[in-house]
C-alpha atoms as a PDB file:
ATOM      1  CA  MET A   1       3.153 -23.814   2.026  1.00  0.00           C
ATOM      2  CA  LEU A   2       0.649 -26.567   1.436  1.00  0.00           C
ATOM      3  CA  LEU A   3       3.146 -29.403   1.201  1.00  0.00           C
ATOM      4  CA  ARG A   4       4.187 -28.645   4.798  1.00  0.00           C
ATOM      5  CA  TRP A   5       0.693 -29.663   5.910  1.00  0.00           C
ATOM      6  CA  PHE A   6       1.208 -33.321   5.236  1.00  0.00           C
ATOM      7  CA  THR A   7       3.953 -35.817   4.684  1.00  0.00           C
ATOM      8  CA  PRO A   8       3.407 -37.896   1.527  1.00  0.00           C
ATOM      9  CA  GLU A   9       2.288 -40.764   3.799  1.00  0.00           C
ATOM     10  CA  GLU A  10      -0.284 -38.553   5.598  1.00  0.00           C
ATOM     11  CA  LEU A  11      -1.572 -37.216   2.300  1.00  0.00           C
ATOM     12  CA  GLY A  12      -2.029 -40.773   1.047  1.00  0.00           C
ATOM     13  CA  ARG A  13      -4.038 -41.780   4.151  1.00  0.00           C
ATOM     14  CA  LEU A  14      -6.464 -38.860   3.985  1.00  0.00           C
ATOM     15  CA  ARG A  15      -9.774 -39.426   2.256  1.00  0.00           C
ATOM     16  CA  LEU A  16      -9.519 -36.485  -0.120  1.00  0.00           C
ATOM     17  CA  SER A  17     -11.029 -36.085  -3.520  1.00  0.00           C
ATOM     18  CA  PRO A  18      -8.636 -36.262  -6.471  1.00  0.00           C
ATOM     19  CA  ALA A  19      -9.282 -32.528  -7.020  1.00  0.00           C
ATOM     20  CA  THR A  20      -8.138 -31.714  -3.466  1.00  0.00           C
ATOM     21  CA  ARG A  21      -5.000 -33.830  -3.785  1.00  0.00           C
ATOM     22  CA  ASP A  22      -4.263 -32.130  -7.108  1.00  0.00           C
ATOM     23  CA  LEU A  23      -4.790 -28.676  -5.542  1.00  0.00           C
ATOM     24  CA  ILE A  24      -2.319 -29.476  -2.741  1.00  0.00           C
ATOM     25  CA  ARG A  25       0.321 -30.887  -5.077  1.00  0.00           C
ATOM     26  CA  ARG A  26      -0.071 -28.096  -7.650  1.00  0.00           C
ATOM     27  CA  HIS A  27       0.171 -25.357  -5.025  1.00  0.00           C
ATOM     28  CA  ALA A  28       3.276 -26.909  -3.474  1.00  0.00           C
ATOM     29  CA  ALA A  29       4.936 -27.193  -6.897  1.00  0.00           C
ATOM     30  CA  GLU A  30       4.065 -23.611  -7.847  1.00  0.00           C
ATOM     31  CA  ASN A  31       5.053 -22.078  -4.488  1.00  0.00           C
ATOM     32  CA  PRO A  32       8.361 -23.445  -3.247  1.00  0.00           C
ATOM     33  CA  PRO A  33       9.370 -22.003   0.132  1.00  0.00           C
ATOM     34  CA  ASP A  34      11.812 -19.105  -0.163  1.00  0.00           C
ATOM     35  CA  ASN A  35      12.276 -18.654   3.597  1.00  0.00           C
ATOM     36  CA  GLN A  36      11.825 -14.907   3.168  1.00  0.00           C
ATOM     37  CA  PRO A  37       9.366 -13.044   5.402  1.00  0.00           C
ATOM     38  CA  ALA A  38       6.329 -11.634   3.659  1.00  0.00           C
ATOM     39  CA  THR A  39       6.364  -7.868   3.289  1.00  0.00           C
ATOM     40  CA  ALA A  40       3.312  -5.660   3.283  1.00  0.00           C
ATOM     41  CA  PRO A  41       2.806  -2.844   0.795  1.00  0.00           C
ATOM     42  CA  PRO A  42       3.083   0.696   2.154  1.00  0.00           C
ATOM     43  CA  VAL A  43       0.158   1.859   4.251  1.00  0.00           C
ATOM     44  CA  TRP A  44      -2.360   4.069   2.496  1.00  0.00           C
ATOM     45  CA  ASP A  45      -1.621   7.763   2.957  1.00  0.00           C
ATOM     46  CA  GLY A  46      -5.146   8.913   2.096  1.00  0.00           C
ATOM     47  CA  GLY A  47      -4.008  10.145  -1.312  1.00  0.00           C
ATOM     48  CA  SER A  48      -5.170   9.171  -4.758  1.00  0.00           C
ATOM     49  CA  ARG A  49      -2.707   6.364  -5.449  1.00  0.00           C
ATOM     50  CA  THR A  50      -3.916   2.805  -5.841  1.00  0.00           C
ATOM     51  CA  VAL A  51      -3.869   0.915  -2.564  1.00  0.00           C
ATOM     52  CA  LEU A  52      -3.547  -2.820  -2.342  1.00  0.00           C
ATOM     53  CA  ASN A  53      -5.848  -4.554   0.124  1.00  0.00           C
ATOM     54  CA  GLY A  54      -4.693  -7.393   2.316  1.00  0.00           C
ATOM     55  CA  ILE A  55      -6.748 -10.564   1.968  1.00  0.00           C
ATOM     56  CA  GLY A  56      -7.796 -12.582   4.982  1.00  0.00           C
ATOM     57  CA  VAL A  57      -9.683 -15.869   5.019  1.00  0.00           C
ATOM     58  CA  HIS A  58     -12.014 -17.020   7.770  1.00  0.00           C
ATOM     59  CA  LEU A  59     -13.682 -20.344   8.392  1.00  0.00           C
ATOM     60  CA  HIS A  60     -17.349 -20.299   9.377  1.00  0.00           C
ATOM     61  CA  LEU A  61     -18.231 -23.710  10.782  1.00  0.00           C
ATOM     62  CA  GLU A  62     -21.567 -24.572  12.344  1.00  0.00           C
ATOM     63  CA  ASP A  63     -22.172 -27.815  14.207  1.00  0.00           C
ATOM     64  CA  ALA A  64     -25.398 -29.839  14.122  1.00  0.00           C
ATOM     65  CA  GLU A  65     -26.878 -27.519  16.776  1.00  0.00           C
ATOM     66  CA  GLY A  66     -26.149 -24.376  14.718  1.00  0.00           C
ATOM     67  CA  ARG A  67     -23.310 -23.247  16.973  1.00  0.00           C
ATOM     68  CA  VAL A  68     -20.317 -21.426  15.434  1.00  0.00           C
ATOM     69  CA  LEU A  69     -16.691 -22.446  16.026  1.00  0.00           C
ATOM     70  CA  LEU A  70     -14.480 -19.702  17.478  1.00  0.00           C
ATOM     71  CA  GLY A  71     -10.964 -19.685  18.884  1.00  0.00           C
ATOM     72  CA  LEU A  72      -9.647 -17.731  21.864  1.00  0.00           C
ATOM     73  CA  ARG A  73      -6.580 -15.858  20.643  1.00  0.00           C
ATOM     74  CA  HIS A  74      -3.404 -16.159  22.744  1.00  0.00           C
ATOM     75  CA  PRO A  75      -2.822 -13.031  24.890  1.00  0.00           C
ATOM     76  CA  ASP A  76       0.548 -12.419  23.146  1.00  0.00           C
ATOM     77  CA  SER A  77      -0.876 -12.850  19.656  1.00  0.00           C
ATOM     78  CA  LYS A  78      -0.003 -10.123  17.125  1.00  0.00           C
ATOM     79  CA  TYR A  79      -3.688  -9.505  16.518  1.00  0.00           C
ATOM     80  CA  ALA A  80      -6.617  -9.489  18.945  1.00  0.00           C
ATOM     81  CA  GLY A  81      -4.991 -11.126  21.966  1.00  0.00           C
ATOM     82  CA  ASN A  82      -7.453 -12.594  24.521  1.00  0.00           C
ATOM     83  CA  THR A  83     -10.264 -12.182  21.995  1.00  0.00           C
ATOM     84  CA  TRP A  84     -12.520 -14.747  20.323  1.00  0.00           C
ATOM     85  CA  HIS A  85     -12.221 -14.993  16.551  1.00  0.00           C
ATOM     86  CA  TYR A  86     -12.833 -17.235  13.579  1.00  0.00           C
ATOM     87  CA  LEU A  87     -10.178 -19.706  12.499  1.00  0.00           C
ATOM     88  CA  ALA A  88      -8.395 -17.330  10.142  1.00  0.00           C
ATOM     89  CA  GLY A  89      -5.266 -16.340   8.302  1.00  0.00           C
ATOM     90  CA  ARG A  90      -3.832 -13.980   5.721  1.00  0.00           C
ATOM     91  CA  CYS A  91      -3.186 -15.164   2.210  1.00  0.00           C
ATOM     92  CA  GLU A  92       0.444 -15.694   1.384  1.00  0.00           C
ATOM     93  CA  GLN A  93       1.536 -16.601  -2.178  1.00  0.00           C
ATOM     94  CA  GLU A  94      -1.554 -18.776  -2.605  1.00  0.00           C
ATOM     95  CA  PRO A  95      -5.188 -18.688  -3.686  1.00  0.00           C
ATOM     96  CA  ALA A  96      -7.682 -17.786  -0.957  1.00  0.00           C
ATOM     97  CA  LEU A  97      -9.249 -21.254  -0.884  1.00  0.00           C
ATOM     98  CA  ALA A  98      -5.851 -22.941  -0.582  1.00  0.00           C
ATOM     99  CA  CYS A  99      -5.051 -20.576   2.300  1.00  0.00           C
ATOM    100  CA  LEU A 100      -8.292 -21.531   4.050  1.00  0.00           C
ATOM    101  CA  LEU A 101      -7.567 -25.254   3.727  1.00  0.00           C
ATOM    102  CA  ARG A 102      -4.000 -24.753   4.951  1.00  0.00           C
ATOM    103  CA  GLU A 103      -5.076 -22.689   7.956  1.00  0.00           C
ATOM    104  CA  ALA A 104      -7.805 -25.191   8.907  1.00  0.00           C
ATOM    105  CA  TRP A 105      -5.204 -27.945   9.046  1.00  0.00           C
ATOM    106  CA  GLU A 106      -2.404 -25.930  10.676  1.00  0.00           C
ATOM    107  CA  GLU A 107      -4.545 -24.249  13.341  1.00  0.00           C
ATOM    108  CA  ALA A 108      -7.124 -26.892  14.213  1.00  0.00           C
ATOM    109  CA  GLY A 109      -6.271 -30.200  12.489  1.00  0.00           C
ATOM    110  CA  LEU A 110      -9.342 -30.027  10.251  1.00  0.00           C
ATOM    111  CA  VAL A 111      -9.339 -31.465   6.734  1.00  0.00           C
ATOM    112  CA  ILE A 112     -11.758 -29.826   4.327  1.00  0.00           C
ATOM    113  CA  ASP A 113     -12.481 -30.718   0.729  1.00  0.00           C
ATOM    114  CA  PRO A 114     -12.751 -27.542  -1.408  1.00  0.00           C
ATOM    115  CA  ALA A 115     -15.918 -28.981  -2.971  1.00  0.00           C
ATOM    116  CA  ASP A 116     -17.568 -28.563   0.469  1.00  0.00           C
ATOM    117  CA  VAL A 117     -16.718 -24.857   0.790  1.00  0.00           C
ATOM    118  CA  GLU A 118     -18.643 -21.759  -0.253  1.00  0.00           C
ATOM    119  CA  LEU A 119     -17.944 -18.036   0.095  1.00  0.00           C
ATOM    120  CA  VAL A 120     -20.717 -16.697   2.340  1.00  0.00           C
ATOM    121  CA  HIS A 121     -19.619 -13.209   3.366  1.00  0.00           C
ATOM    122  CA  VAL A 122     -17.081 -10.464   2.691  1.00  0.00           C
ATOM    123  CA  VAL A 123     -16.174  -7.807   5.258  1.00  0.00           C
ATOM    124  CA  HIS A 124     -14.118  -4.849   4.000  1.00  0.00           C
ATOM    125  CA  VAL A 125     -12.273  -3.565   7.076  1.00  0.00           C
ATOM    126  CA  VAL A 126     -10.017  -0.702   8.075  1.00  0.00           C
ATOM    127  CA  ASP A 127      -8.973  -1.592  11.634  1.00  0.00           C
ATOM    128  CA  THR A 128      -7.421   1.778  12.462  1.00  0.00           C
ATOM    129  CA  PRO A 129      -7.227   5.069  10.513  1.00  0.00           C
ATOM    130  CA  GLY A 130      -4.426   4.926   7.950  1.00  0.00           C
ATOM    131  CA  SER A 131      -3.949   1.164   8.213  1.00  0.00           C
ATOM    132  CA  LEU A 132      -3.951  -1.192   5.273  1.00  0.00           C
ATOM    133  CA  PRO A 133      -7.520  -2.045   4.224  1.00  0.00           C
ATOM    134  CA  LEU A 134      -8.329  -5.729   4.553  1.00  0.00           C
ATOM    135  CA  MET A 135     -10.772  -7.740   2.491  1.00  0.00           C
ATOM    136  CA  GLN A 136     -11.936 -10.466   4.865  1.00  0.00           C
ATOM    137  CA  LEU A 137     -13.394 -13.463   3.022  1.00  0.00           C
ATOM    138  CA  VAL A 138     -15.610 -15.713   5.124  1.00  0.00           C
ATOM    139  CA  PHE A 139     -16.042 -19.248   3.821  1.00  0.00           C
ATOM    140  CA  ARG A 140     -18.479 -21.822   5.178  1.00  0.00           C
ATOM    141  CA  ALA A 141     -17.593 -25.501   5.057  1.00  0.00           C
ATOM    142  CA  ARG A 142     -20.603 -27.778   5.031  1.00  0.00           C
ATOM    143  CA  ARG A 143     -18.477 -30.838   5.899  1.00  0.00           C
ATOM    144  CA  TRP A 144     -15.047 -31.425   7.397  1.00  0.00           C
ATOM    145  CA  GLU A 145     -12.989 -34.198   8.887  1.00  0.00           C
ATOM    146  CA  GLY A 146     -11.554 -34.038  12.374  1.00  0.00           C
ATOM    147  CA  THR A 147     -12.357 -32.469  15.715  1.00  0.00           C
ATOM    148  CA  PRO A 148     -10.993 -28.954  16.317  1.00  0.00           C
ATOM    149  CA  LYS A 149      -7.894 -29.086  18.481  1.00  0.00           C
ATOM    150  CA  VAL A 150      -5.311 -26.459  19.374  1.00  0.00           C
ATOM    151  CA  ARG A 151      -2.281 -27.027  17.143  1.00  0.00           C
ATOM    152  CA  GLU A 152      -0.665 -23.584  17.416  1.00  0.00           C
ATOM    153  CA  SER A 153      -0.747 -22.825  21.140  1.00  0.00           C
ATOM    154  CA  ASP A 154       1.225 -19.618  20.621  1.00  0.00           C
ATOM    155  CA  LYS A 155      -1.714 -18.246  18.604  1.00  0.00           C
ATOM    156  CA  CYS A 156      -4.831 -19.914  20.030  1.00  0.00           C
ATOM    157  CA  LEU A 157      -5.683 -21.167  23.519  1.00  0.00           C
ATOM    158  CA  ALA A 158      -8.963 -22.989  22.836  1.00  0.00           C
ATOM    159  CA  TRP A 159     -11.633 -23.825  20.261  1.00  0.00           C
ATOM    160  CA  GLN A 160     -15.252 -23.650  21.345  1.00  0.00           C
ATOM    161  CA  TRP A 161     -18.698 -23.842  19.751  1.00  0.00           C
ATOM    162  CA  TRP A 162     -20.954 -20.836  20.466  1.00  0.00           C
ATOM    163  CA  PRO A 163     -24.669 -20.252  19.798  1.00  0.00           C
ATOM    164  CA  ARG A 164     -25.021 -17.423  17.253  1.00  0.00           C
ATOM    165  CA  ASP A 165     -27.186 -15.434  19.681  1.00  0.00           C
ATOM    166  CA  GLU A 166     -24.812 -15.977  22.651  1.00  0.00           C
ATOM    167  CA  LEU A 167     -21.418 -15.027  21.213  1.00  0.00           C
ATOM    168  CA  PRO A 168     -18.570 -14.508  23.672  1.00  0.00           C
ATOM    169  CA  ASP A 169     -17.113 -11.195  24.711  1.00  0.00           C
ATOM    170  CA  PRO A 170     -14.654  -9.932  23.751  1.00  0.00           C
ATOM    171  CA  ILE A 171     -14.955 -10.975  20.111  1.00  0.00           C
ATOM    172  CA  VAL A 172     -13.303  -9.434  17.039  1.00  0.00           C
ATOM    173  CA  SER A 173     -15.836  -6.881  15.797  1.00  0.00           C
ATOM    174  CA  TYR A 174     -15.887  -8.020  12.184  1.00  0.00           C
ATOM    175  CA  THR A 175     -16.306 -11.643  13.315  1.00  0.00           C
ATOM    176  CA  ARG A 176     -19.508 -10.686  15.135  1.00  0.00           C
ATOM    177  CA  THR A 177     -20.584  -8.622  12.103  1.00  0.00           C
ATOM    178  CA  ALA A 178     -20.003 -11.540   9.732  1.00  0.00           C
ATOM    179  CA  ILE A 179     -21.823 -14.094  11.917  1.00  0.00           C
ATOM    180  CA  THR A 180     -24.847 -11.794  12.218  1.00  0.00           C
ATOM    181  CA  ALA A 181     -24.846 -11.003   8.482  1.00  0.00           C
ATOM    182  CA  ILE A 182     -24.536 -14.680   7.481  1.00  0.00           C
ATOM    183  CA  ALA A 183     -27.546 -15.537   9.659  1.00  0.00           C
ATOM    184  CA  LYS A 184     -29.505 -12.815   7.803  1.00  0.00           C
ATOM    185  CA  GLY A 185     -28.281 -13.932   4.371  1.00  0.00           C
ATOM    186  CA  ARG A 186     -26.284 -10.745   3.702  1.00  0.00           C
ATOM    187  CA  ALA A 187     -23.152 -11.155   1.598  1.00  0.00           C
ATOM    188  CA  TYR A 188     -21.244  -7.914   2.346  1.00  0.00           C
ATOM    189  CA  SER A 189     -20.376  -5.632   5.274  1.00  0.00           C
ATOM    190  CA  GLN A 190     -17.846  -2.888   5.855  1.00  0.00           C
ATOM    191  CA  LEU A 191     -16.287  -1.530   9.044  1.00  0.00           C
ATOM    192  CA  GLY A 192     -13.948   1.350   9.871  1.00  0.00           C
ATOM    193  CA  TRP A 193     -14.397   3.383   6.706  1.00  0.00           C
END
């Protein structure tokens, strides 16, 4: 939950807009921790029933040289071990933008004002046949505070800036798709359907 990001003292020291502080406080008040693991809806069976889509958020950061920030996933990570990927996470009981801000802080120690963020791409993904479809929202932050550092070493081994035309291998396929599409100004892609 958002309140876990910062102690009240840390929150007071950060140079955040009043809107960002309000977003953090409001989310924490509306989403008290219940210490229960999140459960996923049943996997789609290919039938005609309505299927919920998981929502993922991804942070597209470019430095002054136009390089994109990617993290090397830990080999034992639940998803895409030993693979380069955006700073990312799945939405819990929270709005997508709040999730993005939380993940940026938790994973890399970055503080981002929501006023500096824009949705730049959506990738609708089915990773494997029969798996839960995922709507992957890619947000670009024009400004941020902090230098990316590994804060969850069980999930990420390193953060590195990569030229868009020299992306590492292996890389999560929809990450490469999104980076290429963003450079071309395309707002939507789909994979695995």
